[in-house]
Amino acid sequence: MKLHLGCGSIHLPGWINIDMEAPEADMHLDLRQPLPFESASVDCVYSEHFIEHVDRDEAVKLLKEVQRVLKPGGVIRLVTPDLRFLCCTYLAGNLDEWGYIWRPASGARMINESMRLWGHQFLYDTEELDALLYESGFTERTYQNWRASAYSELSGLETRPYHRDLIIEGRKALAGEGIDPHTPTAIAAMIWHERLQERERAYAHALTTEMTRQAARIRALEQQLAQVGHFPTR
């Protein structure tokens, strides 16, 4: 059994597609309520751009329900916008990042609208999303690349254009299984986190460099305008 939570208009063949209202859903459920499935009856769970539509407490309750219904060794894959990327995009002044569906009129509106439009309740960064799964009982967690997974059932599922979304998988422990911080799986997860942080630092550095360059360009233009008497110097 495979559950697709918050499916919206996306109907995945071979999955039980669940949404509160979407006509494409196989089941209409309020995911803030307990899941109507037996414990340890589900093989895997997938959810793309849904978890940000409930508040954090509701997200913990939902993921604890997912933990309950998953079979030992079962996996959940979550995809959600990255708060850090949103902030970096704001600092870069890039209003066209999501231009095919949404172009805010200003940077301030970008931040405010991304938080409030479409029913968003809580946006995550890497640390907060990882903490969310840990609090929900997923002791083994790994960030993944877009449409890539070590599990064939969870590969190639993303349908939305990629905007540096956070994609995390959490596996339910097998009976009697403990997570040793020195196991290959845990080490691989730590390496992935380090690489993710390095990539984010490099991206932030590139943004800072570009903002410094643009600020210097603006100052030069202001000085030129001031020299011809059309613009006061700061």
Foldseek 3Di string as FASTA:
>chain_A
DEAEECQAQNDDPPYQYEDQDHPNGNYHDDLLDADPAAFQAHQEYEYEADLQLDALVSSLVSLLSVLGRHHAFHKYKYWHAAPLLLVLCLLLFPQCLVVVVDGDPGSVCSVVCVCPPPNGPDHHHPVVVVVSNVSSPQPQKAWDDPQDDPDPVSHNPDDDDDDPITMMMGTHHDVPDDDDCPDPRNVVRVVRVVVVVVVSVVSSVVSVVSVVVVVVVVLVVQVVCVVVPNHDHD
